[in-house]
Amino acid sequence: MGKLLNEPVRAEHDLAGRLTAYEWRGTRYAVDEVLKTYGTAQEARVYRVRVTGADGVVVAELGRDADRWRLRHVFSA
């Protein structure tokens, strides 16, 4: 089961515009891999990513609407 959060995050990108990390509740999480994306550039887009943090590996779902990002769900990997 996943945990619904829907909280704002600060996303980081590389020079090519790829999502590389995000900061949530004062902690930075590096994105190991983008597993899947949903939506189009014209509408809100959802990124499902694998991240490694202090508590181990999780799968997180991040939503982007223009330049605003939110951590939507966190799943145990």
C-alpha atoms as a PDB file:
ATOM      1  CA  MET A   1       0.000   0.000   0.000  1.00  0.00           C
ATOM      2  CA  GLY A   2       1.074   3.541  -0.663  1.00  0.00           C
ATOM      3  CA  LYS A   3       0.889   6.573   1.565  1.00  0.00           C
ATOM      4  CA  LEU A   4      -1.018   9.561   0.149  1.00  0.00           C
ATOM      5  CA  LEU A   5       0.774  12.816   0.995  1.00  0.00           C
ATOM      6  CA  ASN A   6       0.085  15.500  -1.630  1.00  0.00           C
ATOM      7  CA  GLU A   7       2.711  17.832  -0.136  1.00  0.00           C
ATOM      8  CA  PRO A   8       4.811  20.462  -1.955  1.00  0.00           C
ATOM      9  CA  VAL A   9       8.428  19.636  -2.809  1.00  0.00           C
ATOM     10  CA  ARG A  10      11.328  21.469  -4.427  1.00  0.00           C
ATOM     11  CA  ALA A  11      12.475  19.586  -7.536  1.00  0.00           C
ATOM     12  CA  GLU A  12      15.995  19.621  -9.002  1.00  0.00           C
ATOM     13  CA  HIS A  13      16.881  19.021 -12.649  1.00  0.00           C
ATOM     14  CA  ASP A  14      20.026  18.489 -14.710  1.00  0.00           C
ATOM     15  CA  LEU A  15      20.960  20.706 -17.664  1.00  0.00           C
ATOM     16  CA  ALA A  16      18.816  18.580 -20.003  1.00  0.00           C
ATOM     17  CA  GLY A  17      15.748  19.139 -17.785  1.00  0.00           C
ATOM     18  CA  ARG A  18      15.607  15.618 -16.304  1.00  0.00           C
ATOM     19  CA  LEU A  19      14.384  15.216 -12.727  1.00  0.00           C
ATOM     20  CA  THR A  20      17.417  14.351 -10.565  1.00  0.00           C
ATOM     21  CA  ALA A  21      16.308  14.979  -6.966  1.00  0.00           C
ATOM     22  CA  TYR A  22      13.685  16.588  -4.764  1.00  0.00           C
ATOM     23  CA  GLU A  23      13.594  18.126  -1.310  1.00  0.00           C
ATOM     24  CA  TRP A  24      10.749  17.226   1.024  1.00  0.00           C
ATOM     25  CA  ARG A  25      10.392  18.269   4.675  1.00  0.00           C
ATOM     26  CA  GLY A  26      13.978  19.538   4.712  1.00  0.00           C
ATOM     27  CA  THR A  27      15.556  16.331   3.382  1.00  0.00           C
ATOM     28  CA  ARG A  28      16.978  15.877  -0.113  1.00  0.00           C
ATOM     29  CA  TYR A  29      16.217  12.660  -2.014  1.00  0.00           C
ATOM     30  CA  ALA A  30      18.246  11.720  -5.096  1.00  0.00           C
ATOM     31  CA  VAL A  31      16.238  10.149  -7.916  1.00  0.00           C
ATOM     32  CA  ASP A  32      17.860   6.833  -8.861  1.00  0.00           C
ATOM     33  CA  GLU A  33      15.580   6.205 -11.833  1.00  0.00           C
ATOM     34  CA  VAL A  34      12.429   7.582 -13.454  1.00  0.00           C
ATOM     35  CA  LEU A  35      10.252   4.490 -13.794  1.00  0.00           C
ATOM     36  CA  LYS A  36       7.299   5.981 -15.678  1.00  0.00           C
ATOM     37  CA  THR A  37       5.694   9.290 -16.599  1.00  0.00           C
ATOM     38  CA  TYR A  38       2.006  10.015 -17.154  1.00  0.00           C
ATOM     39  CA  GLY A  39       0.303  12.983 -18.787  1.00  0.00           C
ATOM     40  CA  THR A  40       1.519  15.501 -21.347  1.00  0.00           C
ATOM     41  CA  ALA A  41       3.486  18.732 -21.179  1.00  0.00           C
ATOM     42  CA  GLN A  42       0.268  20.750 -21.677  1.00  0.00           C
ATOM     43  CA  GLU A  43      -1.425  19.214 -18.630  1.00  0.00           C
ATOM     44  CA  ALA A  44      -0.195  18.141 -15.243  1.00  0.00           C
ATOM     45  CA  ARG A  45       2.435  15.420 -15.447  1.00  0.00           C
ATOM     46  CA  VAL A  46       3.115  12.595 -12.969  1.00  0.00           C
ATOM     47  CA  TYR A  47       6.525  11.012 -12.455  1.00  0.00           C
ATOM     48  CA  ARG A  48       6.960   7.646 -10.750  1.00  0.00           C
ATOM     49  CA  VAL A  49      10.548   7.446  -9.497  1.00  0.00           C
ATOM     50  CA  ARG A  50      12.801   5.176  -7.450  1.00  0.00           C
ATOM     51  CA  VAL A  51      14.702   6.991  -4.691  1.00  0.00           C
ATOM     52  CA  THR A  52      17.107   5.941  -1.978  1.00  0.00           C
ATOM     53  CA  GLY A  53      16.891   7.710   1.358  1.00  0.00           C
ATOM     54  CA  ALA A  54      17.848   7.120   4.969  1.00  0.00           C
ATOM     55  CA  ASP A  55      14.977   4.629   5.321  1.00  0.00           C
ATOM     56  CA  GLY A  56      15.988   2.624   2.230  1.00  0.00           C
ATOM     57  CA  VAL A  57      14.591   2.393  -1.281  1.00  0.00           C
ATOM     58  CA  VAL A  58      11.078   3.644  -2.028  1.00  0.00           C
ATOM     59  CA  VAL A  59       8.998   4.423  -5.101  1.00  0.00           C
ATOM     60  CA  ALA A  60       7.581   7.938  -5.041  1.00  0.00           C
ATOM     61  CA  GLU A  61       5.017   9.589  -7.264  1.00  0.00           C
ATOM     62  CA  LEU A  62       5.631  13.275  -7.959  1.00  0.00           C
ATOM     63  CA  GLY A  63       3.146  15.532  -9.687  1.00  0.00           C
ATOM     64  CA  ARG A  64       4.140  18.597 -11.725  1.00  0.00           C
ATOM     65  CA  ASP A  65       1.783  21.382 -12.724  1.00  0.00           C
ATOM     66  CA  ALA A  66       3.757  24.088 -14.572  1.00  0.00           C
ATOM     67  CA  ASP A  67       6.655  24.775 -12.184  1.00  0.00           C
ATOM     68  CA  ARG A  68       4.890  23.563  -9.019  1.00  0.00           C
ATOM     69  CA  TRP A  69       5.784  20.079  -7.747  1.00  0.00           C
ATOM     70  CA  ARG A  70       4.019  17.891  -5.161  1.00  0.00           C
ATOM     71  CA  LEU A  71       4.899  14.566  -3.576  1.00  0.00           C
ATOM     72  CA  ARG A  72       1.702  12.628  -4.186  1.00  0.00           C
ATOM     73  CA  HIS A  73       2.384   9.074  -2.985  1.00  0.00           C
ATOM     74  CA  VAL A  74       5.176   7.026  -1.426  1.00  0.00           C
ATOM     75  CA  PHE A  75       5.280   3.224  -1.868  1.00  0.00           C
ATOM     76  CA  SER A  76       7.654   0.735  -0.286  1.00  0.00           C
ATOM     77  CA  ALA A  77       9.885  -0.796  -2.951  1.00  0.00           C
END
